[in-house]
Amino acid sequence: MLIESGQVVSVEVDCLWVQTVQRSTCGSCVAQKGCGQSLLAKWAGRPHYLRVLLQGRKASSFEVGATIDVGIPEDIVALGAMFVYILPLLTLLLGASLGHFLFVGELPAVLGAVFGTATGAFAVRCHAAHYRNDSRFQPVVVERLRPVSGI
């Protein structure tokens, strides 16, 4: 399970809205200076909010401003990343190939690549909308075992 810390910004009946602080990814990465993700995060300046399911915990036990740990299974993150990155790439290549071989030329290949990329991005968006409320793909509140001091 990938675990990240965040601050509760809103409490609802069945979930929490948490503002995440991405220290674990960008702060420890070797390629931080040359990475576009780090640059975009600094440039946009927008905080990231997650809808975190309580999974049977009482909403009254959380308060706005509290720091909590949220987690999501590694396999969900890996499959999601593969789907988001590989599907548009495959549809780009398929569109470019079809444009090139069916209409012979560079312009049809470029137009096919653009159409293929747009098709792949649309498929990713539809997939995300379909599974938006599926509890298997939502972050959950986790509790880390913290060492007891003084022992």
Protein backbone atom coordinates (compact mmCIF):
# COMPACT_ATOMS: atom_id res chain seq x y z
CA MET A 1 0.00 0.00 0.00
CA LEU A 2 1.31 3.45 -0.94
CA ILE A 3 0.86 5.79 2.01
CA GLU A 4 0.84 9.58 1.92
CA SER A 5 0.13 12.17 4.58
CA GLY A 6 -2.50 14.83 4.14
CA GLN A 7 -4.53 17.42 5.96
CA VAL A 8 -8.30 17.08 6.31
CA VAL A 9 -10.04 20.07 4.68
CA SER A 10 -13.64 18.81 4.80
CA VAL A 11 -15.57 16.05 6.57
CA GLU A 12 -18.61 14.43 4.96
CA VAL A 13 -20.81 11.54 6.08
CA ASP A 14 -19.03 8.81 4.08
CA CYS A 15 -15.71 10.41 3.13
CA LEU A 16 -13.09 13.04 3.87
CA TRP A 17 -11.57 15.61 1.54
CA VAL A 18 -7.82 15.66 2.12
CA GLN A 19 -5.18 18.06 0.83
CA THR A 20 -2.07 16.04 0.06
CA VAL A 21 1.49 17.12 0.46
CA GLN A 22 3.65 15.35 -2.14
CA ARG A 23 6.87 15.03 -0.18
CA SER A 24 7.43 11.35 -0.81
CA THR A 25 7.57 11.55 -4.60
CA CYS A 26 9.27 14.78 -5.62
CA GLY A 27 11.32 15.35 -2.48
CA SER A 28 13.28 12.12 -2.68
CA CYS A 29 13.55 11.73 -6.46
CA VAL A 30 16.99 11.84 -8.07
CA ALA A 31 15.68 13.54 -11.21
CA GLN A 32 13.92 16.32 -9.29
CA LYS A 33 15.84 19.14 -11.00
CA GLY A 34 15.03 17.99 -14.55
CA CYS A 35 11.54 16.59 -13.98
CA GLY A 36 8.52 18.21 -15.56
CA GLN A 37 6.17 16.97 -12.83
CA SER A 38 8.03 18.88 -10.13
CA LEU A 39 8.15 21.99 -12.30
CA LEU A 40 4.43 21.85 -13.10
CA ALA A 41 3.53 21.36 -9.44
CA LYS A 42 5.55 24.44 -8.48
CA TRP A 43 4.23 26.49 -11.40
CA ALA A 44 0.54 25.63 -10.97
CA GLY A 45 0.65 26.28 -7.24
CA ARG A 46 -2.64 24.45 -6.73
CA PRO A 47 -3.06 22.02 -3.87
CA HIS A 48 -4.22 18.50 -4.65
CA TYR A 49 -7.41 17.28 -3.00
CA LEU A 50 -8.37 13.63 -2.59
CA ARG A 51 -11.71 12.11 -1.73
CA VAL A 52 -10.83 9.54 0.90
CA LEU A 53 -13.29 6.83 1.94
CA LEU A 54 -13.79 6.14 5.64
CA GLN A 55 -14.52 2.41 5.26
CA GLY A 56 -16.71 2.06 8.32
CA ARG A 57 -14.97 4.66 10.47
CA LYS A 58 -17.12 7.37 11.99
CA ALA A 59 -16.87 10.79 10.36
CA SER A 60 -17.23 12.41 13.78
CA SER A 61 -13.82 11.05 14.80
CA PHE A 62 -12.11 13.34 12.23
CA GLU A 63 -11.84 17.10 12.34
CA VAL A 64 -10.84 19.72 9.81
CA GLY A 65 -7.13 20.50 10.04
CA ALA A 66 -6.10 17.06 11.32
CA THR A 67 -3.20 15.29 9.62
CA ILE A 68 -3.99 11.74 8.54
CA ASP A 69 -2.38 8.99 6.49
CA VAL A 70 -4.14 7.89 3.31
CA GLY A 71 -3.29 4.87 1.22
CA ILE A 72 -4.01 3.15 -2.05
CA PRO A 73 -2.82 -0.31 -3.15
CA GLU A 74 0.30 -0.39 -5.35
CA ASP A 75 -1.33 -2.60 -7.97
CA ILE A 76 -4.11 -0.05 -8.52
CA VAL A 77 -1.55 2.74 -8.99
CA ALA A 78 0.56 0.63 -11.37
CA LEU A 79 -2.41 -0.50 -13.47
CA GLY A 80 -3.80 3.02 -13.59
CA ALA A 81 -0.48 4.47 -14.70
CA MET A 82 -0.08 1.81 -17.37
CA PHE A 83 -3.58 2.47 -18.68
CA VAL A 84 -3.24 6.27 -18.66
CA TYR A 85 0.15 6.30 -20.40
CA ILE A 86 0.05 3.27 -22.69
CA LEU A 87 -3.47 3.43 -24.15
CA PRO A 88 -3.04 6.91 -25.75
CA LEU A 89 0.40 5.89 -26.99
CA LEU A 90 -0.94 2.73 -28.60
CA THR A 91 -3.85 4.56 -30.20
CA LEU A 92 -1.41 7.23 -31.48
CA LEU A 93 0.70 4.56 -33.15
CA LEU A 94 -2.35 2.78 -34.52
CA GLY A 95 -3.80 6.03 -35.92
CA ALA A 96 -0.48 7.04 -37.48
CA SER A 97 -0.05 3.60 -39.04
CA LEU A 98 -3.57 3.51 -40.43
CA GLY A 99 -3.23 7.04 -41.81
CA HIS A 100 0.07 6.22 -43.45
CA PHE A 101 -0.87 2.88 -44.98
CA LEU A 102 -4.47 3.62 -45.99
CA PHE A 103 -3.96 7.09 -47.46
CA VAL A 104 -0.18 7.01 -48.16
CA GLY A 105 1.49 10.18 -47.11
CA GLU A 106 2.85 12.17 -44.24
CA LEU A 107 -0.17 14.42 -43.62
CA PRO A 108 -2.64 11.49 -43.25
CA ALA A 109 -0.18 9.85 -40.85
CA VAL A 110 0.02 13.00 -38.72
CA LEU A 111 -3.75 13.46 -38.76
CA GLY A 112 -4.19 9.77 -37.89
CA ALA A 113 -1.76 10.18 -34.97
CA VAL A 114 -3.67 13.20 -33.67
CA PHE A 115 -6.99 11.40 -34.04
CA GLY A 116 -5.57 8.28 -32.38
CA THR A 117 -4.21 10.24 -29.43
CA ALA A 118 -7.53 12.05 -28.96
CA THR A 119 -9.36 8.71 -29.13
CA GLY A 120 -7.06 7.21 -26.51
CA ALA A 121 -7.44 10.22 -24.22
CA PHE A 122 -11.23 10.03 -24.58
CA ALA A 123 -11.16 6.31 -23.73
CA VAL A 124 -9.09 7.05 -20.60
CA ARG A 125 -11.55 9.76 -19.57
CA CYS A 126 -14.55 7.44 -20.08
CA HIS A 127 -12.83 4.69 -18.09
CA ALA A 128 -12.08 7.12 -15.24
CA ALA A 129 -15.68 8.35 -15.19
CA HIS A 130 -16.99 4.78 -15.15
CA TYR A 131 -14.86 3.75 -12.14
CA ARG A 132 -14.98 7.10 -10.29
CA ASN A 133 -17.14 5.78 -7.43
CA ASP A 134 -15.75 2.25 -7.30
CA SER A 135 -14.39 1.74 -3.76
CA ARG A 136 -11.57 -0.51 -5.02
CA PHE A 137 -9.95 2.50 -6.73
CA GLN A 138 -10.40 5.09 -3.98
CA PRO A 139 -7.82 6.10 -1.37
CA VAL A 140 -8.68 5.07 2.19
CA VAL A 141 -7.70 6.21 5.66
CA VAL A 142 -4.90 4.01 7.00
CA GLU A 143 -3.25 3.82 10.36
CA ARG A 144 0.47 3.39 10.60
CA LEU A 145 1.94 1.51 13.51
CA ARG A 146 3.98 4.16 15.25
CA PRO A 147 6.83 3.13 17.54
CA VAL A 148 6.20 3.72 21.21
CA SER A 149 8.80 6.10 22.64
CA GLY A 150 10.67 5.25 25.80
CA ILE A 151 11.06 1.51 25.18
